[in-house]
Amino acid sequence: MNKLFCNSTIIVAGLSLALGVLACGEDDSPADQSGTGGGATAGSGGGATTGSGGASTSGSTTGSGGASTSTSASSGGVTTASGGDPNPDPANARTFDHRHASLDGIPASCTEALKSGDFVFHYAHRSHGFQIIVGAESIEAKTPAYAFETEYCDVPQQEGAFLMWDGMIDTNLIPGEEYWATEAGISDVRTILEEHPEIRYSMWAWSSEISEQTEEDVQRYLDVLDALGQEFPEVTFIYMTGPGDEEYNGVNRTARNQQIRDFCRDHGKILYDFEDLDVHADGERHTAMVDGVEIPMQHPQYDVETSGNTEYEHTHTTQGACENKAMAFWRMMAELEGCAQ
């Protein structure tokens, strides 16, 4: 069972934020949902990886990934998130991507350990992030051993399942303003973690708004999660890249996702590389030319515009893509909990 610690000094110095509202893209999110599902993952057999994604990602990059202050282009507000890890260790960096999207490599004993109820995973998202949940549900329907239980804005009570808190305090459709981009959102994160010490992990998923973020906006996301990680040292904050399914502002989207990878690599963070999972299928990495730049782009196998493909559960992609995301998620959890082969 997890016990949280709250450092009041870091609360003040680390997250003293004067924030405006970030410009977020429109998102045709699904209705609030919770459900059961499951998945197990494996991949390259090498477990978690370090670095910025290596050969699995490319594209033009900008951003230092290391600044401790940033200015919001959308509001003029300044965030001074200087309370991050003062001694980051790049050796702790672990990236989970398409190499981990397989059911192999997780023994039954590991699956049972992940379903023991010893911890809860807190997850905030909108429609793109919902892919992980519905993918897990789909896998559980095929293989009941991979039981996966979510609860709407609360701790699930089911036994014998992986437990996920779905959403925040009163909704499970969560833009950045309700998790990291405003003082109110950060306060809600604190409230959830302080009142529920069984939560061992917390993660927020980008949706289409990643394409419209500035370097300063994304740096604020990185700084806030870094500072929260210091404030709650027994909670693992998992960083995410955004989806790679749109050409709109695609060059900027590629750069912002690479900014996140670079920060996680340099600061020893855990990264779930959503974009990388979008663009890989059957050993092939898909790219497209946008504004004269070759950028990673969602693989046609997962594109709902591809002939024969249908959208699954209002998630902007196919059932196979959702299952792929869920498998990578389960492999990540098996690695982080130390029970994967």
Protein backbone atom coordinates (compact mmCIF):
# COMPACT_ATOMS: atom_id res chain seq x y z
CA MET A 1 0.00 0.00 0.00
CA ASN A 2 1.27 3.42 -0.92
CA LYS A 3 1.80 6.25 1.54
CA LEU A 4 2.07 9.83 0.32
CA PHE A 5 4.18 12.60 1.71
CA CYS A 6 3.43 16.29 1.25
CA ASN A 7 6.27 18.79 1.38
CA SER A 8 4.84 22.24 2.08
CA THR A 9 8.02 23.96 1.03
CA ILE A 10 7.83 22.39 -2.40
CA ILE A 11 4.14 23.21 -2.60
CA VAL A 12 4.94 26.90 -2.31
CA ALA A 13 8.25 27.10 -4.14
CA GLY A 14 7.66 24.36 -6.64
CA LEU A 15 4.19 25.18 -7.92
CA SER A 16 3.59 28.88 -7.39
CA LEU A 17 1.63 29.39 -10.58
CA ALA A 18 -0.02 32.44 -12.06
CA LEU A 19 -1.78 30.71 -14.90
CA GLY A 20 -4.14 31.68 -17.64
CA VAL A 21 -6.07 29.24 -19.76
CA LEU A 22 -4.14 27.39 -22.43
CA ALA A 23 -5.55 27.26 -25.92
CA CYS A 24 -6.82 23.72 -26.39
CA GLY A 25 -8.03 22.06 -29.59
CA GLU A 26 -11.60 20.95 -30.03
CA ASP A 27 -12.25 17.35 -29.13
CA ASP A 28 -15.32 15.29 -29.88
CA SER A 29 -14.95 13.28 -26.70
CA PRO A 30 -17.09 10.27 -25.86
CA ALA A 31 -19.65 10.33 -23.11
CA ASP A 32 -18.40 9.83 -19.58
CA GLN A 33 -17.73 6.15 -19.15
CA SER A 34 -16.24 3.59 -16.89
CA GLY A 35 -15.94 -0.10 -17.46
CA THR A 36 -13.94 -3.20 -17.29
CA GLY A 37 -11.35 -4.50 -19.59
CA GLY A 38 -7.89 -5.83 -19.58
CA GLY A 39 -4.68 -6.31 -21.34
CA ALA A 40 -1.23 -7.62 -20.94
CA THR A 41 1.77 -6.49 -22.81
CA ALA A 42 5.23 -7.36 -23.81
CA GLY A 43 7.38 -6.29 -26.68
CA SER A 44 10.99 -6.41 -27.56
CA GLY A 45 11.89 -8.55 -24.57
CA GLY A 46 14.28 -5.87 -23.49
CA GLY A 47 11.85 -4.29 -21.10
CA ALA A 48 11.65 -0.55 -20.64
CA THR A 49 13.97 1.53 -22.71
CA THR A 50 15.82 4.74 -22.18
CA GLY A 51 16.29 7.64 -24.52
CA SER A 52 14.02 9.73 -26.68
CA GLY A 53 12.55 6.92 -28.70
CA GLY A 54 15.59 6.17 -30.81
CA ALA A 55 14.78 4.94 -34.27
CA SER A 56 11.11 4.79 -33.46
CA THR A 57 10.58 8.53 -33.78
CA SER A 58 11.85 11.35 -35.89
CA GLY A 59 10.93 14.75 -37.15
CA SER A 60 12.06 18.28 -36.58
CA THR A 61 12.53 19.18 -32.94
CA THR A 62 12.67 22.35 -30.96
CA GLY A 63 12.80 23.25 -27.32
CA SER A 64 15.41 22.92 -24.66
CA GLY A 65 13.35 20.55 -22.53
CA GLY A 66 15.15 21.78 -19.46
CA ALA A 67 14.04 25.29 -18.60
CA SER A 68 12.43 25.74 -15.21
CA THR A 69 10.33 28.75 -16.14
CA SER A 70 8.06 29.49 -19.06
CA THR A 71 5.62 32.10 -20.27
CA SER A 72 2.19 31.16 -21.57
CA ALA A 73 1.77 32.55 -25.05
CA SER A 74 -1.97 32.20 -24.72
CA SER A 75 -2.41 34.21 -21.53
CA GLY A 76 0.74 36.15 -20.83
CA GLY A 77 0.89 34.47 -17.44
CA VAL A 78 4.13 33.16 -16.04
CA THR A 79 4.62 29.86 -14.32
CA THR A 80 7.56 29.42 -11.97
CA ALA A 81 7.58 25.68 -11.55
CA SER A 82 11.07 25.56 -10.06
CA GLY A 83 10.33 22.78 -7.59
CA GLY A 84 11.28 19.87 -9.81
CA ASP A 85 13.92 17.26 -9.10
CA PRO A 86 17.13 19.20 -8.30
CA ASN A 87 19.28 16.19 -9.20
CA PRO A 88 17.61 14.36 -12.09
CA ASP A 89 19.23 11.09 -13.14
CA PRO A 90 18.91 10.31 -16.86
CA ALA A 91 19.64 6.66 -16.05
CA ASN A 92 16.11 6.42 -14.59
CA ALA A 93 14.47 7.32 -17.90
CA ARG A 94 12.16 4.64 -19.29
CA THR A 95 10.17 4.89 -22.51
CA PHE A 96 7.29 2.59 -23.40
CA ASP A 97 6.32 2.52 -27.06
CA HIS A 98 5.49 0.20 -29.98
CA ARG A 99 8.25 -2.19 -28.90
CA HIS A 100 6.17 -3.06 -25.82
CA ALA A 101 2.83 -3.65 -27.54
CA SER A 102 2.47 -7.41 -27.19
CA LEU A 103 0.86 -9.85 -24.80
CA ASP A 104 4.06 -11.86 -24.51
CA GLY A 105 6.48 -11.52 -21.64
CA ILE A 106 4.11 -11.07 -18.70
CA PRO A 107 3.84 -14.29 -16.69
CA ALA A 108 0.57 -15.23 -15.02
CA SER A 109 2.09 -14.44 -11.63
CA CYS A 110 2.77 -10.89 -12.80
CA THR A 111 -0.74 -10.42 -14.12
CA GLU A 112 -2.10 -11.61 -10.78
CA ALA A 113 0.19 -9.21 -8.91
CA LEU A 114 -1.04 -6.30 -11.00
CA LYS A 115 -4.63 -7.33 -10.16
CA SER A 116 -3.98 -7.76 -6.43
CA GLY A 117 -5.51 -4.44 -5.44
CA ASP A 118 -2.29 -3.26 -3.79
CA PHE A 119 -2.43 0.02 -5.71
CA VAL A 120 -4.63 2.21 -7.88
CA PHE A 121 -3.70 3.96 -11.13
CA HIS A 122 -5.08 7.48 -11.56
CA TYR A 123 -5.75 8.40 -15.20
CA ALA A 124 -7.11 11.66 -16.65
CA HIS A 125 -7.86 11.89 -20.36
CA ARG A 126 -10.23 12.83 -23.14
CA SER A 127 -11.21 10.86 -26.23
CA HIS A 128 -7.75 9.96 -27.55
CA GLY A 129 -6.64 8.83 -24.11
CA PHE A 130 -9.77 6.72 -23.84
CA GLN A 131 -8.16 4.36 -26.36
CA ILE A 132 -6.20 2.69 -23.54
CA ILE A 133 -9.34 1.95 -21.55
CA VAL A 134 -11.53 0.60 -24.36
CA GLY A 135 -8.56 -1.37 -25.66
CA ALA A 136 -8.20 -2.98 -22.24
CA GLU A 137 -11.91 -3.76 -22.20
CA SER A 138 -11.62 -5.40 -25.60
CA ILE A 139 -8.70 -7.56 -24.51
CA GLU A 140 -10.47 -8.64 -21.33
CA ALA A 141 -13.50 -9.71 -23.37
CA LYS A 142 -11.21 -12.08 -25.29
CA THR A 143 -8.99 -13.11 -22.38
CA PRO A 144 -10.74 -12.72 -18.99
CA ALA A 145 -7.50 -13.29 -17.10
CA TYR A 146 -6.63 -9.69 -17.95
CA ALA A 147 -9.32 -8.13 -15.81
CA PHE A 148 -9.25 -4.34 -15.84
CA GLU A 149 -11.67 -2.25 -13.78
CA THR A 150 -12.20 1.50 -14.00
CA GLU A 151 -14.37 3.63 -11.74
CA TYR A 152 -15.74 7.03 -12.68
CA CYS A 153 -13.90 9.59 -10.55
CA ASP A 154 -13.27 7.14 -7.74
CA VAL A 155 -11.40 4.04 -6.60
CA PRO A 156 -12.79 0.81 -8.11
CA GLN A 157 -14.02 -1.75 -5.61
CA GLN A 158 -13.78 -4.90 -7.75
CA GLU A 159 -11.43 -7.62 -6.60
CA GLY A 160 -9.11 -9.50 -8.91
CA ALA A 161 -8.69 -6.72 -11.47
CA PHE A 162 -6.26 -3.96 -12.33
CA LEU A 163 -7.74 -0.86 -10.67
CA MET A 164 -7.94 2.52 -12.41
CA TRP A 165 -9.44 5.79 -11.17
CA ASP A 166 -10.94 7.23 -14.38
CA GLY A 167 -10.99 11.05 -14.44
CA MET A 168 -10.70 13.68 -11.74
CA ILE A 169 -13.17 14.67 -9.01
CA ASP A 170 -16.41 15.05 -10.96
CA THR A 171 -15.72 14.29 -14.63
CA ASN A 172 -13.61 11.94 -16.73
CA LEU A 173 -13.20 14.21 -19.76
CA ILE A 174 -10.14 16.16 -18.67
CA PRO A 175 -8.43 18.97 -20.61
CA GLY A 176 -5.10 20.28 -19.37
CA GLU A 177 -6.80 23.07 -17.41
CA GLU A 178 -8.32 20.44 -15.11
CA TYR A 179 -5.05 18.66 -14.33
CA TRP A 180 -1.84 20.67 -14.86
CA ALA A 181 -2.51 23.97 -16.66
CA THR A 182 -4.31 25.92 -13.91
CA GLU A 183 -4.01 26.29 -10.17
CA ALA A 184 -7.49 24.78 -9.78
CA GLY A 185 -6.52 21.70 -11.76
CA ILE A 186 -3.32 21.20 -9.78
CA SER A 187 -5.32 21.61 -6.56
CA ASP A 188 -7.67 18.83 -7.68
CA VAL A 189 -4.70 16.54 -8.38
CA ARG A 190 -3.42 17.25 -4.86
CA THR A 191 -6.82 16.57 -3.34
CA ILE A 192 -7.12 13.19 -5.05
CA LEU A 193 -3.62 12.09 -4.10
CA GLU A 194 -3.78 13.36 -0.52
CA GLU A 195 -7.12 11.67 0.13
CA HIS A 196 -6.24 8.39 -1.60
CA PRO A 197 -2.81 7.08 -0.59
CA GLU A 198 -3.56 3.85 -2.45
CA ILE A 199 -2.89 5.72 -5.71
CA ARG A 200 0.63 4.84 -6.83
CA TYR A 201 0.58 6.26 -10.37
CA SER A 202 -0.94 9.30 -12.06
CA MET A 203 -1.06 10.08 -15.79
CA TRP A 204 -2.74 12.67 -18.01
CA ALA A 205 -3.25 12.14 -21.76
CA TRP A 206 -2.99 14.75 -24.49
CA SER A 207 -5.65 14.88 -27.16
CA SER A 208 -5.67 16.99 -30.34
CA GLU A 209 -4.58 20.12 -28.44
CA ILE A 210 -0.95 18.97 -28.57
CA SER A 211 -0.74 20.40 -32.12
CA GLU A 212 -1.55 23.92 -30.90
CA GLN A 213 0.77 24.07 -27.90
CA THR A 214 3.79 26.35 -27.86
CA GLU A 215 7.18 25.29 -26.55
CA GLU A 216 6.43 27.30 -23.40
CA ASP A 217 3.06 25.58 -22.90
CA VAL A 218 4.60 22.12 -23.09
CA GLN A 219 7.46 23.19 -20.83
CA ARG A 220 4.89 24.21 -18.25
CA TYR A 221 3.30 20.74 -18.46
CA LEU A 222 6.71 19.18 -17.93
CA ASP A 223 7.64 21.49 -15.08
CA VAL A 224 4.36 21.01 -13.23
CA LEU A 225 4.56 17.20 -13.40
CA ASP A 226 8.19 17.36 -12.31
CA ALA A 227 7.29 19.49 -9.30
CA LEU A 228 4.29 17.31 -8.40
CA GLY A 229 6.63 14.33 -8.48
CA GLN A 230 8.73 16.00 -5.80
CA GLU A 231 5.69 16.96 -3.76
CA PHE A 232 4.35 13.38 -3.88
CA PRO A 233 7.51 11.27 -3.94
CA GLU A 234 5.70 7.93 -3.65
CA VAL A 235 3.48 8.62 -6.65
CA THR A 236 4.95 7.96 -10.09
CA PHE A 237 3.83 10.60 -12.58
CA ILE A 238 3.87 9.13 -16.08
CA TYR A 239 4.45 11.55 -18.94
CA MET A 240 2.81 11.12 -22.36
CA THR A 241 3.33 12.29 -25.90
CA GLY A 242 0.26 13.34 -27.84
CA PRO A 243 -1.50 11.57 -30.72
CA GLY A 244 -0.02 11.50 -34.21
CA ASP A 245 -3.23 11.24 -36.22
CA GLU A 246 -3.56 14.72 -37.75
CA GLU A 247 -1.62 16.73 -40.30
CA TYR A 248 -2.96 20.01 -38.88
CA ASN A 249 0.01 21.81 -37.30
CA GLY A 250 1.81 18.50 -37.73
CA VAL A 251 5.31 19.96 -37.72
CA ASN A 252 4.63 21.70 -34.41
CA ARG A 253 2.99 18.57 -33.01
CA THR A 254 6.10 16.57 -33.90
CA ALA A 255 8.34 19.13 -32.25
CA ARG A 256 6.27 19.27 -29.07
CA ASN A 257 6.22 15.49 -28.76
CA GLN A 258 9.97 15.39 -29.23
CA GLN A 259 10.31 18.10 -26.57
CA ILE A 260 8.50 15.77 -24.16
CA ARG A 261 10.77 12.85 -25.10
CA ASP A 262 13.90 14.92 -24.67
CA PHE A 263 12.82 16.14 -21.23
CA CYS A 264 11.97 12.63 -20.06
CA ARG A 265 15.29 11.30 -21.34
CA ASP A 266 17.33 14.08 -19.73
CA HIS A 267 15.42 14.13 -16.43
CA GLY A 268 14.97 10.40 -15.84
CA LYS A 269 11.18 10.29 -16.29
CA ILE A 270 8.73 7.55 -17.28
CA LEU A 271 7.21 8.11 -20.72
CA TYR A 272 4.27 6.43 -22.43
CA ASP A 273 4.91 7.32 -26.07
CA PHE A 274 1.41 7.59 -27.54
CA GLU A 275 2.57 9.12 -30.83
CA ASP A 276 5.06 6.32 -31.41
CA LEU A 277 2.29 3.75 -30.94
CA ASP A 278 0.11 5.64 -33.42
CA VAL A 279 2.67 5.57 -36.22
CA HIS A 280 3.94 1.98 -36.03
CA ALA A 281 2.19 -1.15 -37.33
CA ASP A 282 3.55 -4.51 -38.48
CA GLY A 283 7.13 -3.33 -38.14
CA GLU A 284 6.58 -0.26 -40.28
CA ARG A 285 6.85 3.39 -39.23
CA HIS A 286 4.52 5.63 -41.20
CA THR A 287 5.41 9.22 -42.11
CA ALA A 288 3.92 12.03 -44.18
CA MET A 289 5.20 15.23 -45.76
CA VAL A 290 3.65 18.29 -44.11
CA ASP A 291 4.78 21.81 -44.99
CA GLY A 292 7.86 20.34 -46.62
CA VAL A 293 8.84 18.35 -43.53
CA GLU A 294 8.63 14.58 -43.10
CA ILE A 295 6.83 13.88 -39.84
CA PRO A 296 5.54 10.73 -38.10
CA MET A 297 1.90 10.13 -38.96
CA GLN A 298 -0.70 7.62 -37.80
CA HIS A 299 -0.30 4.35 -39.67
CA PRO A 300 -3.00 3.69 -42.30
CA GLN A 301 -3.81 0.44 -40.50
CA TYR A 302 -5.18 2.55 -37.63
CA ASP A 303 -6.65 5.39 -39.72
CA VAL A 304 -10.45 5.45 -39.76
CA GLU A 305 -10.27 7.06 -43.22
CA THR A 306 -8.63 3.94 -44.63
CA SER A 307 -11.06 1.83 -46.65
CA GLY A 308 -12.43 -1.02 -44.55
CA ASN A 309 -11.54 0.58 -41.20
CA THR A 310 -14.17 1.70 -38.71
CA GLU A 311 -13.87 3.96 -35.69
CA TYR A 312 -14.00 2.14 -32.37
CA GLU A 313 -15.90 3.59 -29.41
CA HIS A 314 -15.52 7.23 -30.52
CA THR A 315 -11.74 7.15 -30.05
CA HIS A 316 -10.66 8.42 -33.52
CA THR A 317 -9.05 5.09 -34.37
CA THR A 318 -9.61 1.36 -34.82
CA GLN A 319 -10.18 -1.43 -32.32
CA GLY A 320 -6.74 -2.83 -33.15
CA ALA A 321 -5.07 0.48 -32.33
CA CYS A 322 -6.90 0.64 -29.00
CA GLU A 323 -5.81 -2.88 -28.11
CA ASN A 324 -2.26 -1.97 -29.09
CA LYS A 325 -2.31 0.98 -26.68
CA ALA A 326 -3.69 -1.23 -23.90
CA MET A 327 -1.02 -3.87 -24.44
CA ALA A 328 1.74 -1.26 -24.20
CA PHE A 329 0.10 0.06 -21.04
CA TRP A 330 0.08 -3.35 -19.39
CA ARG A 331 3.67 -4.02 -20.35
CA MET A 332 4.59 -0.67 -18.85
CA MET A 333 2.89 -1.56 -15.58
CA ALA A 334 4.53 -4.97 -15.48
CA GLU A 335 7.93 -3.33 -15.96
CA LEU A 336 7.32 -0.60 -13.40
CA GLU A 337 6.09 -3.11 -10.84
CA GLY A 338 9.12 -5.33 -11.54
CA CYS A 339 7.36 -8.54 -12.49
CA ALA A 340 7.77 -8.74 -16.27
CA GLN A 341 10.03 -11.38 -17.77
